[in-house]
Amino acid sequence: MNTLTRRIATATTAGALLLGGAVATASTASAATTSKTCTHSAKINTYVDATVMFRTGPGTGYTAKGQLSKNTRIYYACYKGNWGYVKPSSGAHKGETGWVSRSYISIPMQLD
């Protein structure tokens, strides 16, 4: 087996495909998703009203990045189903983007 064949076999075995020296991996539920995944816009500054898992995508099948503590300030950009795409402005994940269950996002009352 020559060196190139050995590299391709090794990369394929590891779940990747070697293409011209670059490694491309298959998309998984743990892959980061963006606000483009959203179906509705929110665009408000608010907070989470309980400690909640902060995830890479809209669902429990996505990897948890950690937790947002109760009262963590967030920018609630948009949502898909029961999941909100947020950017914390305080706490351990300040400045990161991710997803939380909408059940724990505080929504201020709207006045007419």
C-alpha atoms as a PDB file:
ATOM      1  CA  MET A   1       0.000   0.000   0.000  1.00  0.00           C
ATOM      2  CA  ASN A   2       1.530   3.356  -0.977  1.00  0.00           C
ATOM      3  CA  THR A   3       1.551   6.431   1.279  1.00  0.00           C
ATOM      4  CA  LEU A   4      -1.431   8.153  -0.423  1.00  0.00           C
ATOM      5  CA  THR A   5      -3.571   5.018  -0.273  1.00  0.00           C
ATOM      6  CA  ARG A   6      -2.655   4.568   3.411  1.00  0.00           C
ATOM      7  CA  ARG A   7      -3.675   8.216   4.170  1.00  0.00           C
ATOM      8  CA  ILE A   8      -7.016   7.824   2.413  1.00  0.00           C
ATOM      9  CA  ALA A   9      -7.719   4.539   4.191  1.00  0.00           C
ATOM     10  CA  THR A  10      -6.819   6.077   7.556  1.00  0.00           C
ATOM     11  CA  ALA A  11      -8.984   9.162   6.977  1.00  0.00           C
ATOM     12  CA  THR A  12     -11.919   7.069   5.747  1.00  0.00           C
ATOM     13  CA  THR A  13     -11.636   4.773   8.746  1.00  0.00           C
ATOM     14  CA  ALA A  14     -11.771   7.806  11.027  1.00  0.00           C
ATOM     15  CA  GLY A  15     -15.069   8.890   9.417  1.00  0.00           C
ATOM     16  CA  ALA A  16     -13.578  11.529   7.150  1.00  0.00           C
ATOM     17  CA  LEU A  17     -12.778  11.833   3.475  1.00  0.00           C
ATOM     18  CA  LEU A  18      -9.402  13.107   2.327  1.00  0.00           C
ATOM     19  CA  LEU A  19      -9.764  15.457  -0.633  1.00  0.00           C
ATOM     20  CA  GLY A  20      -6.633  17.101  -2.002  1.00  0.00           C
ATOM     21  CA  GLY A  21      -5.055  17.333   1.443  1.00  0.00           C
ATOM     22  CA  ALA A  22      -8.183  18.756   3.152  1.00  0.00           C
ATOM     23  CA  VAL A  23     -10.314  16.703   5.484  1.00  0.00           C
ATOM     24  CA  ALA A  24     -14.094  16.994   5.190  1.00  0.00           C
ATOM     25  CA  THR A  25     -16.333  15.335   7.769  1.00  0.00           C
ATOM     26  CA  ALA A  26     -19.992  14.387   7.547  1.00  0.00           C
ATOM     27  CA  SER A  27     -22.597  16.652   9.105  1.00  0.00           C
ATOM     28  CA  THR A  28     -23.909  15.428  12.459  1.00  0.00           C
ATOM     29  CA  ALA A  29     -26.403  16.565  15.056  1.00  0.00           C
ATOM     30  CA  SER A  30     -23.480  17.961  17.042  1.00  0.00           C
ATOM     31  CA  ALA A  31     -22.482  20.296  14.189  1.00  0.00           C
ATOM     32  CA  ALA A  32     -23.105  23.954  14.987  1.00  0.00           C
ATOM     33  CA  THR A  33     -26.207  25.482  13.457  1.00  0.00           C
ATOM     34  CA  THR A  34     -26.851  29.158  12.937  1.00  0.00           C
ATOM     35  CA  SER A  35     -29.687  31.645  13.002  1.00  0.00           C
ATOM     36  CA  LYS A  36     -30.375  30.627   9.376  1.00  0.00           C
ATOM     37  CA  THR A  37     -32.012  27.549  10.921  1.00  0.00           C
ATOM     38  CA  CYS A  38     -34.672  29.813  12.509  1.00  0.00           C
ATOM     39  CA  THR A  39     -38.224  30.010  11.226  1.00  0.00           C
ATOM     40  CA  HIS A  40     -39.333  33.090  13.231  1.00  0.00           C
ATOM     41  CA  SER A  41     -37.637  36.287  14.392  1.00  0.00           C
ATOM     42  CA  ALA A  42     -37.612  37.511  18.023  1.00  0.00           C
ATOM     43  CA  LYS A  43     -34.871  40.189  18.354  1.00  0.00           C
ATOM     44  CA  ILE A  44     -35.144  41.117  22.035  1.00  0.00           C
ATOM     45  CA  ASN A  45     -32.801  41.487  24.991  1.00  0.00           C
ATOM     46  CA  THR A  46     -34.041  39.379  27.879  1.00  0.00           C
ATOM     47  CA  TYR A  47     -32.826  36.601  30.222  1.00  0.00           C
ATOM     48  CA  VAL A  48     -33.313  32.914  31.018  1.00  0.00           C
ATOM     49  CA  ASP A  49     -35.515  32.350  34.059  1.00  0.00           C
ATOM     50  CA  ALA A  50     -33.936  29.010  35.096  1.00  0.00           C
ATOM     51  CA  THR A  51     -30.647  27.163  34.665  1.00  0.00           C
ATOM     52  CA  VAL A  52     -30.838  25.718  31.166  1.00  0.00           C
ATOM     53  CA  MET A  53     -28.693  23.659  28.767  1.00  0.00           C
ATOM     54  CA  PHE A  54     -26.978  25.741  26.056  1.00  0.00           C
ATOM     55  CA  ARG A  55     -26.801  23.667  22.855  1.00  0.00           C
ATOM     56  CA  THR A  56     -25.218  23.712  19.392  1.00  0.00           C
ATOM     57  CA  GLY A  57     -28.588  23.207  17.678  1.00  0.00           C
ATOM     58  CA  PRO A  58     -32.368  23.305  18.194  1.00  0.00           C
ATOM     59  CA  GLY A  59     -33.015  20.031  20.013  1.00  0.00           C
ATOM     60  CA  THR A  60     -31.823  17.635  22.682  1.00  0.00           C
ATOM     61  CA  GLY A  61     -30.007  15.611  20.020  1.00  0.00           C
ATOM     62  CA  TYR A  62     -27.458  18.423  19.670  1.00  0.00           C
ATOM     63  CA  THR A  63     -24.334  18.697  21.797  1.00  0.00           C
ATOM     64  CA  ALA A  64     -24.584  20.706  25.017  1.00  0.00           C
ATOM     65  CA  LYS A  65     -22.019  23.524  25.167  1.00  0.00           C
ATOM     66  CA  GLY A  66     -22.718  23.902  28.870  1.00  0.00           C
ATOM     67  CA  GLN A  67     -25.373  25.627  30.930  1.00  0.00           C
ATOM     68  CA  LEU A  68     -26.717  29.139  31.206  1.00  0.00           C
ATOM     69  CA  SER A  69     -27.406  30.037  34.827  1.00  0.00           C
ATOM     70  CA  LYS A  70     -30.735  31.459  35.963  1.00  0.00           C
ATOM     71  CA  ASN A  71     -30.969  35.195  35.136  1.00  0.00           C
ATOM     72  CA  THR A  72     -28.232  35.059  32.461  1.00  0.00           C
ATOM     73  CA  ARG A  73     -28.811  38.044  30.166  1.00  0.00           C
ATOM     74  CA  ILE A  74     -29.306  37.030  26.526  1.00  0.00           C
ATOM     75  CA  TYR A  75     -30.073  38.462  23.128  1.00  0.00           C
ATOM     76  CA  TYR A  76     -32.930  36.291  21.845  1.00  0.00           C
ATOM     77  CA  ALA A  77     -32.502  36.515  18.061  1.00  0.00           C
ATOM     78  CA  CYS A  78     -34.983  33.999  16.673  1.00  0.00           C
ATOM     79  CA  TYR A  79     -36.502  30.578  17.124  1.00  0.00           C
ATOM     80  CA  LYS A  80     -37.402  27.291  15.506  1.00  0.00           C
ATOM     81  CA  GLY A  81     -40.157  25.253  17.109  1.00  0.00           C
ATOM     82  CA  ASN A  82     -39.563  25.130  20.860  1.00  0.00           C
ATOM     83  CA  TRP A  83     -35.937  26.276  20.604  1.00  0.00           C
ATOM     84  CA  GLY A  84     -34.540  29.808  20.778  1.00  0.00           C
ATOM     85  CA  TYR A  85     -31.291  30.968  19.180  1.00  0.00           C
ATOM     86  CA  VAL A  86     -29.556  33.191  21.736  1.00  0.00           C
ATOM     87  CA  LYS A  87     -26.349  35.077  22.470  1.00  0.00           C
ATOM     88  CA  PRO A  88     -25.570  35.512  26.187  1.00  0.00           C
ATOM     89  CA  SER A  89     -24.342  38.963  27.229  1.00  0.00           C
ATOM     90  CA  SER A  90     -23.236  37.739  30.661  1.00  0.00           C
ATOM     91  CA  GLY A  91     -21.957  34.588  32.307  1.00  0.00           C
ATOM     92  CA  ALA A  92     -19.579  31.830  31.245  1.00  0.00           C
ATOM     93  CA  HIS A  93     -20.794  31.738  27.622  1.00  0.00           C
ATOM     94  CA  LYS A  94     -20.840  35.497  27.086  1.00  0.00           C
ATOM     95  CA  GLY A  95     -20.591  36.337  23.370  1.00  0.00           C
ATOM     96  CA  GLU A  96     -21.188  32.774  22.138  1.00  0.00           C
ATOM     97  CA  THR A  97     -24.273  31.765  20.176  1.00  0.00           C
ATOM     98  CA  GLY A  98     -26.373  28.698  20.776  1.00  0.00           C
ATOM     99  CA  TRP A  99     -29.800  27.262  21.426  1.00  0.00           C
ATOM    100  CA  VAL A 100     -31.966  26.930  24.544  1.00  0.00           C
ATOM    101  CA  SER A 101     -35.465  25.644  25.161  1.00  0.00           C
ATOM    102  CA  ARG A 102     -37.934  28.506  24.697  1.00  0.00           C
ATOM    103  CA  SER A 103     -39.682  27.384  27.900  1.00  0.00           C
ATOM    104  CA  TYR A 104     -36.887  29.073  29.863  1.00  0.00           C
ATOM    105  CA  ILE A 105     -36.628  32.341  27.942  1.00  0.00           C
ATOM    106  CA  SER A 106     -38.365  35.192  29.757  1.00  0.00           C
ATOM    107  CA  ILE A 107     -40.653  37.058  27.364  1.00  0.00           C
ATOM    108  CA  PRO A 108     -41.632  40.545  28.549  1.00  0.00           C
ATOM    109  CA  MET A 109     -45.278  41.547  28.316  1.00  0.00           C
ATOM    110  CA  GLN A 110     -46.108  43.678  25.310  1.00  0.00           C
ATOM    111  CA  LEU A 111     -48.085  46.865  25.834  1.00  0.00           C
ATOM    112  CA  ASP A 112     -50.434  48.141  23.152  1.00  0.00           C
END
